[in-house]
Amino acid sequence: MLKAENLYQYYSSLCNLSCRYCYADEGSYGNESTRKNMSLETLQNTIKNILDIFPNGIKYIQFFGGEPLINKSFMLNCIPIINGIYESKKLTLPLYTIVTNGTLINDEYIELFNNYFESVTISLDGERNINDHNRIYSDSEESVFDNVTESIKAMKERSFYLGTEGTITRLHIQNFKENNQIKSYETLSTLDLDYIHIAPMIDSKNEFLSLCNEKVIGL
């Protein structure tokens, strides 16, 4: 487990998807008043406050959401600000990571990743049918799977680790029973990825998708 001084998260609490199992309520976390992007001024104040608490610096900074890439101006300008504050205090620069739904990745972001990022993790639940059942746009019927896989192809030449993080639901179990194989995640193995991470969905309020409908202590 990472210690507090090793990891800090910056994020937008806005999102362009409406995933069926989203625990964060599209980034609002149950409070619509929090649906906003972090400003660069808030970032500067936050970094300075953190370094007051951890004078040796934070080792990892992860961009999270919501969907962090919605906050485009922030994303394209924040790292030089952070690095400048670290350099002024003669600290080792932090390592940057991001968890994104992958739908907003473009050439500007790929350049940003190549310049600064240790790793990029994209949320993707496997083959097109299962992924696009669970992970859908808020205002469009486009295929999230198609757009994300195109983003992955665009990052073939890269200097960072690229992986996916998937959520296993009852649809995956049904798919396994019908095909006698984990067809959905075999799709991910055909993509140009450095790692694949999967985790079960356990949610007592979502009986259709959850692998367990009872509360599990510690989860």
C-alpha atoms as a PDB file:
ATOM      1  CA  MET A   1       0.000   0.000   0.000  1.00  0.00           C
ATOM      2  CA  LEU A   2       1.302   3.447  -0.887  1.00  0.00           C
ATOM      3  CA  LYS A   3       1.973   5.747   2.042  1.00  0.00           C
ATOM      4  CA  ALA A   4       0.267   9.153   2.175  1.00  0.00           C
ATOM      5  CA  GLU A   5       3.474  10.958   1.255  1.00  0.00           C
ATOM      6  CA  ASN A   6       3.845   8.768  -1.853  1.00  0.00           C
ATOM      7  CA  LEU A   7       0.579   9.488  -3.653  1.00  0.00           C
ATOM      8  CA  TYR A   8      -1.693  12.444  -4.216  1.00  0.00           C
ATOM      9  CA  GLN A   9      -4.622  12.717  -6.624  1.00  0.00           C
ATOM     10  CA  TYR A  10      -5.745  15.667  -8.738  1.00  0.00           C
ATOM     11  CA  TYR A  11      -8.975  15.388 -10.602  1.00  0.00           C
ATOM     12  CA  SER A  12     -11.979  16.856 -12.328  1.00  0.00           C
ATOM     13  CA  SER A  13     -15.343  15.919 -10.847  1.00  0.00           C
ATOM     14  CA  LEU A  14     -16.958  16.162 -14.291  1.00  0.00           C
ATOM     15  CA  CYS A  15     -17.355  13.228 -16.666  1.00  0.00           C
ATOM     16  CA  ASN A  16     -18.556  12.693 -20.245  1.00  0.00           C
ATOM     17  CA  LEU A  17     -19.717   9.113 -19.559  1.00  0.00           C
ATOM     18  CA  SER A  18     -22.660   7.674 -17.617  1.00  0.00           C
ATOM     19  CA  CYS A  19     -21.372   4.211 -16.741  1.00  0.00           C
ATOM     20  CA  ARG A  20     -24.088   1.922 -15.391  1.00  0.00           C
ATOM     21  CA  TYR A  21     -22.094   0.893 -12.332  1.00  0.00           C
ATOM     22  CA  CYS A  22     -20.395   4.231 -11.558  1.00  0.00           C
ATOM     23  CA  TYR A  23     -19.878   4.592  -7.803  1.00  0.00           C
ATOM     24  CA  ALA A  24     -18.986   8.270  -8.290  1.00  0.00           C
ATOM     25  CA  ASP A  25     -22.314   9.354  -9.836  1.00  0.00           C
ATOM     26  CA  GLU A  26     -20.576  10.683 -12.980  1.00  0.00           C
ATOM     27  CA  GLY A  27     -18.002  12.447 -10.813  1.00  0.00           C
ATOM     28  CA  SER A  28     -20.374  14.173  -8.394  1.00  0.00           C
ATOM     29  CA  TYR A  29     -19.998  11.530  -5.655  1.00  0.00           C
ATOM     30  CA  GLY A  30     -23.624  12.205  -4.708  1.00  0.00           C
ATOM     31  CA  ASN A  31     -23.166  15.975  -4.390  1.00  0.00           C
ATOM     32  CA  GLU A  32     -23.981  17.978  -7.513  1.00  0.00           C
ATOM     33  CA  SER A  33     -22.385  21.111  -6.032  1.00  0.00           C
ATOM     34  CA  THR A  34     -18.977  19.443  -6.328  1.00  0.00           C
ATOM     35  CA  ARG A  35     -19.245  18.978 -10.098  1.00  0.00           C
ATOM     36  CA  LYS A  36     -16.459  21.273 -11.261  1.00  0.00           C
ATOM     37  CA  ASN A  37     -12.869  21.332 -12.478  1.00  0.00           C
ATOM     38  CA  MET A  38      -9.847  22.131 -10.346  1.00  0.00           C
ATOM     39  CA  SER A  39      -8.293  25.513 -11.141  1.00  0.00           C
ATOM     40  CA  LEU A  40      -4.575  26.187 -11.535  1.00  0.00           C
ATOM     41  CA  GLU A  41      -4.780  28.568  -8.554  1.00  0.00           C
ATOM     42  CA  THR A  42      -6.209  25.779  -6.402  1.00  0.00           C
ATOM     43  CA  LEU A  43      -3.468  23.492  -7.676  1.00  0.00           C
ATOM     44  CA  GLN A  44      -0.702  25.911  -6.656  1.00  0.00           C
ATOM     45  CA  ASN A  45      -2.175  26.407  -3.184  1.00  0.00           C
ATOM     46  CA  THR A  46      -2.680  22.659  -2.755  1.00  0.00           C
ATOM     47  CA  ILE A  47       0.887  21.786  -3.735  1.00  0.00           C
ATOM     48  CA  LYS A  48       2.300  24.394  -1.370  1.00  0.00           C
ATOM     49  CA  ASN A  49       0.112  23.118   1.484  1.00  0.00           C
ATOM     50  CA  ILE A  50       1.122  19.520   0.778  1.00  0.00           C
ATOM     51  CA  LEU A  51       4.798  20.406   0.847  1.00  0.00           C
ATOM     52  CA  ASP A  52       4.265  22.080   4.211  1.00  0.00           C
ATOM     53  CA  ILE A  53       3.016  18.707   5.485  1.00  0.00           C
ATOM     54  CA  PHE A  54       5.473  16.565   3.500  1.00  0.00           C
ATOM     55  CA  PRO A  55       8.593  18.740   3.073  1.00  0.00           C
ATOM     56  CA  ASN A  56      10.416  15.958   1.225  1.00  0.00           C
ATOM     57  CA  GLY A  57       7.741  15.976  -1.472  1.00  0.00           C
ATOM     58  CA  ILE A  58       5.141  13.573  -2.843  1.00  0.00           C
ATOM     59  CA  LYS A  59       6.556  10.728  -4.924  1.00  0.00           C
ATOM     60  CA  TYR A  60       3.509  10.038  -7.138  1.00  0.00           C
ATOM     61  CA  ILE A  61       0.759  12.337  -8.387  1.00  0.00           C
ATOM     62  CA  GLN A  62      -2.238  10.692 -10.047  1.00  0.00           C
ATOM     63  CA  PHE A  63      -4.843  12.502 -12.146  1.00  0.00           C
ATOM     64  CA  PHE A  64      -8.285  11.071 -11.474  1.00  0.00           C
ATOM     65  CA  GLY A  65     -11.953  11.938 -11.788  1.00  0.00           C
ATOM     66  CA  GLY A  66     -14.653  12.129 -12.942  1.00  0.00           C
ATOM     67  CA  GLU A  67     -12.724  12.365 -16.173  1.00  0.00           C
ATOM     68  CA  PRO A  68      -9.511  14.380 -15.741  1.00  0.00           C
ATOM     69  CA  LEU A  69      -9.021  15.025 -19.466  1.00  0.00           C
ATOM     70  CA  ILE A  70     -12.188  17.155 -19.518  1.00  0.00           C
ATOM     71  CA  ASN A  71     -10.129  19.794 -17.695  1.00  0.00           C
ATOM     72  CA  LYS A  72      -7.982  20.408 -20.783  1.00  0.00           C
ATOM     73  CA  SER A  73      -6.392  23.774 -20.009  1.00  0.00           C
ATOM     74  CA  PHE A  74      -5.519  22.540 -16.534  1.00  0.00           C
ATOM     75  CA  MET A  75      -4.008  19.280 -17.796  1.00  0.00           C
ATOM     76  CA  LEU A  76      -1.838  20.974 -20.428  1.00  0.00           C
ATOM     77  CA  ASN A  77      -0.446  23.563 -17.982  1.00  0.00           C
ATOM     78  CA  CYS A  78      -0.389  22.048 -14.518  1.00  0.00           C
ATOM     79  CA  ILE A  79       2.747  19.883 -14.606  1.00  0.00           C
ATOM     80  CA  PRO A  80       5.214  22.723 -15.368  1.00  0.00           C
ATOM     81  CA  ILE A  81       3.668  24.568 -12.406  1.00  0.00           C
ATOM     82  CA  ILE A  82       4.106  21.585 -10.089  1.00  0.00           C
ATOM     83  CA  ASN A  83       7.638  20.929 -11.339  1.00  0.00           C
ATOM     84  CA  GLY A  84       8.501  24.612 -10.874  1.00  0.00           C
ATOM     85  CA  ILE A  85       7.423  24.527  -7.237  1.00  0.00           C
ATOM     86  CA  TYR A  86       9.422  21.334  -6.660  1.00  0.00           C
ATOM     87  CA  GLU A  87      12.494  22.743  -8.365  1.00  0.00           C
ATOM     88  CA  SER A  88      12.322  25.936  -6.294  1.00  0.00           C
ATOM     89  CA  LYS A  89      12.581  23.744  -3.201  1.00  0.00           C
ATOM     90  CA  LYS A  90      15.272  21.523  -4.779  1.00  0.00           C
ATOM     91  CA  LEU A  91      13.087  18.423  -4.492  1.00  0.00           C
ATOM     92  CA  THR A  92      13.070  15.341  -6.731  1.00  0.00           C
ATOM     93  CA  LEU A  93      10.257  15.764  -9.249  1.00  0.00           C
ATOM     94  CA  PRO A  94       7.190  13.534  -8.718  1.00  0.00           C
ATOM     95  CA  LEU A  95       6.147  10.742 -11.080  1.00  0.00           C
ATOM     96  CA  TYR A  96       2.840  11.350 -12.869  1.00  0.00           C
ATOM     97  CA  THR A  97       0.115   8.812 -13.594  1.00  0.00           C
ATOM     98  CA  ILE A  98      -3.470   9.106 -14.820  1.00  0.00           C
ATOM     99  CA  VAL A  99      -6.674   7.046 -14.825  1.00  0.00           C
ATOM    100  CA  THR A 100      -8.901   8.072 -17.741  1.00  0.00           C
ATOM    101  CA  ASN A 101     -11.818   6.691 -19.727  1.00  0.00           C
ATOM    102  CA  GLY A 102      -9.693   7.245 -22.837  1.00  0.00           C
ATOM    103  CA  THR A 103     -12.370   8.877 -24.978  1.00  0.00           C
ATOM    104  CA  LEU A 104     -10.798  12.361 -25.038  1.00  0.00           C
ATOM    105  CA  ILE A 105      -7.197  11.414 -25.835  1.00  0.00           C
ATOM    106  CA  ASN A 106      -5.793  13.403 -28.779  1.00  0.00           C
ATOM    107  CA  ASP A 107      -2.372  14.380 -30.152  1.00  0.00           C
ATOM    108  CA  GLU A 108      -1.916  17.127 -27.525  1.00  0.00           C
ATOM    109  CA  TYR A 109      -2.543  14.687 -24.710  1.00  0.00           C
ATOM    110  CA  ILE A 110      -0.289  12.026 -26.228  1.00  0.00           C
ATOM    111  CA  GLU A 111       2.522  14.584 -26.369  1.00  0.00           C
ATOM    112  CA  LEU A 112       1.811  15.483 -22.723  1.00  0.00           C
ATOM    113  CA  PHE A 113       1.945  11.810 -21.701  1.00  0.00           C
ATOM    114  CA  ASN A 114       5.205  11.256 -23.566  1.00  0.00           C
ATOM    115  CA  ASN A 115       6.798  14.302 -21.977  1.00  0.00           C
ATOM    116  CA  TYR A 116       5.782  13.775 -18.371  1.00  0.00           C
ATOM    117  CA  PHE A 117       3.913  10.572 -17.539  1.00  0.00           C
ATOM    118  CA  GLU A 118       5.093   7.334 -15.984  1.00  0.00           C
ATOM    119  CA  SER A 119       1.864   5.502 -16.833  1.00  0.00           C
ATOM    120  CA  VAL A 120      -1.561   5.928 -18.417  1.00  0.00           C
ATOM    121  CA  THR A 121      -4.414   3.642 -17.333  1.00  0.00           C
ATOM    122  CA  ILE A 122      -7.570   3.500 -19.460  1.00  0.00           C
ATOM    123  CA  SER A 123     -10.862   2.101 -18.170  1.00  0.00           C
ATOM    124  CA  LEU A 124     -12.075  -0.616 -20.552  1.00  0.00           C
ATOM    125  CA  ASP A 125     -14.241  -3.628 -19.705  1.00  0.00           C
ATOM    126  CA  GLY A 126     -13.343  -5.968 -22.551  1.00  0.00           C
ATOM    127  CA  GLU A 127     -15.047  -6.675 -25.853  1.00  0.00           C
ATOM    128  CA  ARG A 128     -17.275  -4.124 -27.562  1.00  0.00           C
ATOM    129  CA  ASN A 129     -20.697  -5.540 -26.586  1.00  0.00           C
ATOM    130  CA  ILE A 130     -19.993  -5.833 -22.865  1.00  0.00           C
ATOM    131  CA  ASN A 131     -17.993  -2.619 -22.597  1.00  0.00           C
ATOM    132  CA  ASP A 132     -20.577  -0.559 -24.459  1.00  0.00           C
ATOM    133  CA  HIS A 133     -23.409  -1.999 -22.377  1.00  0.00           C
ATOM    134  CA  ASN A 134     -21.772  -0.762 -19.167  1.00  0.00           C
ATOM    135  CA  ARG A 135     -19.785   2.262 -20.330  1.00  0.00           C
ATOM    136  CA  ILE A 136     -21.878   4.761 -22.290  1.00  0.00           C
ATOM    137  CA  TYR A 137     -21.709   8.437 -23.265  1.00  0.00           C
ATOM    138  CA  SER A 138     -23.873  10.929 -21.400  1.00  0.00           C
ATOM    139  CA  ASP A 139     -25.133  12.544 -24.616  1.00  0.00           C
ATOM    140  CA  SER A 140     -24.206  10.268 -27.523  1.00  0.00           C
ATOM    141  CA  GLU A 141     -24.806   6.761 -28.864  1.00  0.00           C
ATOM    142  CA  GLU A 142     -21.234   6.431 -30.145  1.00  0.00           C
ATOM    143  CA  SER A 143     -19.267   3.316 -29.224  1.00  0.00           C
ATOM    144  CA  VAL A 144     -16.983   3.990 -26.266  1.00  0.00           C
ATOM    145  CA  PHE A 145     -15.071   0.802 -27.131  1.00  0.00           C
ATOM    146  CA  ASP A 146     -14.359   1.953 -30.694  1.00  0.00           C
ATOM    147  CA  ASN A 147     -13.142   5.376 -29.577  1.00  0.00           C
ATOM    148  CA  VAL A 148     -10.962   3.991 -26.803  1.00  0.00           C
ATOM    149  CA  THR A 149      -9.327   1.351 -28.998  1.00  0.00           C
ATOM    150  CA  GLU A 150      -8.544   4.037 -31.586  1.00  0.00           C
ATOM    151  CA  SER A 151      -6.877   6.048 -28.807  1.00  0.00           C
ATOM    152  CA  ILE A 152      -4.797   3.016 -27.839  1.00  0.00           C
ATOM    153  CA  LYS A 153      -3.692   2.532 -31.446  1.00  0.00           C
ATOM    154  CA  ALA A 154      -2.666   6.208 -31.601  1.00  0.00           C
ATOM    155  CA  MET A 155      -0.309   5.628 -28.655  1.00  0.00           C
ATOM    156  CA  LYS A 156       1.681   2.830 -30.260  1.00  0.00           C
ATOM    157  CA  GLU A 157       4.856   4.956 -30.140  1.00  0.00           C
ATOM    158  CA  ARG A 158       5.188   5.974 -26.502  1.00  0.00           C
ATOM    159  CA  SER A 159       7.599   6.491 -23.633  1.00  0.00           C
ATOM    160  CA  PHE A 160       5.121   5.601 -20.844  1.00  0.00           C
ATOM    161  CA  TYR A 161       3.443   2.427 -19.606  1.00  0.00           C
ATOM    162  CA  LEU A 162      -0.031   1.974 -21.092  1.00  0.00           C
ATOM    163  CA  GLY A 163      -2.640  -0.323 -19.583  1.00  0.00           C
ATOM    164  CA  THR A 164      -6.325  -0.911 -19.041  1.00  0.00           C
ATOM    165  CA  GLU A 165      -8.396  -1.320 -15.910  1.00  0.00           C
ATOM    166  CA  GLY A 166     -11.577  -3.331 -16.261  1.00  0.00           C
ATOM    167  CA  THR A 167     -14.555  -4.028 -14.019  1.00  0.00           C
ATOM    168  CA  ILE A 168     -15.859  -7.615 -13.992  1.00  0.00           C
ATOM    169  CA  THR A 169     -19.649  -7.793 -13.784  1.00  0.00           C
ATOM    170  CA  ARG A 170     -22.268 -10.507 -14.166  1.00  0.00           C
ATOM    171  CA  LEU A 171     -22.191  -9.881 -17.904  1.00  0.00           C
ATOM    172  CA  HIS A 172     -18.639 -11.251 -17.983  1.00  0.00           C
ATOM    173  CA  ILE A 173     -19.738 -14.380 -16.113  1.00  0.00           C
ATOM    174  CA  GLN A 174     -22.640 -14.842 -18.524  1.00  0.00           C
ATOM    175  CA  ASN A 175     -20.229 -14.396 -21.436  1.00  0.00           C
ATOM    176  CA  PHE A 176     -17.935 -17.067 -19.967  1.00  0.00           C
ATOM    177  CA  LYS A 177     -20.790 -19.559 -19.536  1.00  0.00           C
ATOM    178  CA  GLU A 178     -21.939 -19.028 -23.128  1.00  0.00           C
ATOM    179  CA  ASN A 179     -18.466 -19.297 -24.711  1.00  0.00           C
ATOM    180  CA  ASN A 180     -16.592 -21.492 -22.207  1.00  0.00           C
ATOM    181  CA  GLN A 181     -13.804 -18.940 -22.317  1.00  0.00           C
ATOM    182  CA  ILE A 182     -13.143 -15.402 -21.141  1.00  0.00           C
ATOM    183  CA  LYS A 183     -13.816 -13.978 -24.573  1.00  0.00           C
ATOM    184  CA  SER A 184     -14.196 -10.414 -23.353  1.00  0.00           C
ATOM    185  CA  TYR A 185     -10.678 -10.135 -21.931  1.00  0.00           C
ATOM    186  CA  GLU A 186      -9.140 -12.031 -24.825  1.00  0.00           C
ATOM    187  CA  THR A 187     -10.089  -8.930 -26.825  1.00  0.00           C
ATOM    188  CA  LEU A 188      -7.849  -6.827 -24.582  1.00  0.00           C
ATOM    189  CA  SER A 189      -4.915  -9.180 -25.167  1.00  0.00           C
ATOM    190  CA  THR A 190      -4.953  -8.209 -28.857  1.00  0.00           C
ATOM    191  CA  LEU A 191      -4.368  -4.529 -28.033  1.00  0.00           C
ATOM    192  CA  ASP A 192      -0.922  -2.954 -27.699  1.00  0.00           C
ATOM    193  CA  LEU A 193      -0.883  -2.733 -23.890  1.00  0.00           C
ATOM    194  CA  ASP A 194       1.792  -3.075 -21.230  1.00  0.00           C
ATOM    195  CA  TYR A 195      -0.567  -4.308 -18.520  1.00  0.00           C
ATOM    196  CA  ILE A 196      -4.193  -5.317 -17.908  1.00  0.00           C
ATOM    197  CA  HIS A 197      -5.798  -4.910 -14.499  1.00  0.00           C
ATOM    198  CA  ILE A 198      -9.245  -6.282 -13.625  1.00  0.00           C
ATOM    199  CA  ALA A 199     -11.381  -5.990 -10.500  1.00  0.00           C
ATOM    200  CA  PRO A 200     -14.779  -7.453  -9.493  1.00  0.00           C
ATOM    201  CA  MET A 201     -17.818  -5.263  -9.121  1.00  0.00           C
ATOM    202  CA  ILE A 202     -19.445  -5.718  -5.710  1.00  0.00           C
ATOM    203  CA  ASP A 203     -22.373  -3.396  -5.070  1.00  0.00           C
ATOM    204  CA  SER A 204     -25.401  -4.335  -2.973  1.00  0.00           C
ATOM    205  CA  LYS A 205     -27.457  -1.649  -4.760  1.00  0.00           C
ATOM    206  CA  ASN A 206     -26.783  -2.926  -8.300  1.00  0.00           C
ATOM    207  CA  GLU A 207     -28.212  -6.446  -8.454  1.00  0.00           C
ATOM    208  CA  PHE A 208     -28.054  -6.703 -12.250  1.00  0.00           C
ATOM    209  CA  LEU A 209     -24.302  -6.187 -12.633  1.00  0.00           C
ATOM    210  CA  SER A 210     -22.808  -6.928  -9.202  1.00  0.00           C
ATOM    211  CA  LEU A 211     -21.103 -10.263  -8.596  1.00  0.00           C
ATOM    212  CA  CYS A 212     -22.425 -10.208  -5.035  1.00  0.00           C
ATOM    213  CA  ASN A 213     -25.561  -8.523  -3.745  1.00  0.00           C
ATOM    214  CA  GLU A 214     -24.570  -8.544  -0.089  1.00  0.00           C
ATOM    215  CA  LYS A 215     -22.312  -6.087   1.674  1.00  0.00           C
ATOM    216  CA  VAL A 216     -18.804  -7.458   2.025  1.00  0.00           C
ATOM    217  CA  ILE A 217     -16.795  -6.329   5.028  1.00  0.00           C
ATOM    218  CA  GLY A 218     -13.619  -4.570   3.972  1.00  0.00           C
ATOM    219  CA  LEU A 219     -14.761  -3.835   0.417  1.00  0.00           C
END
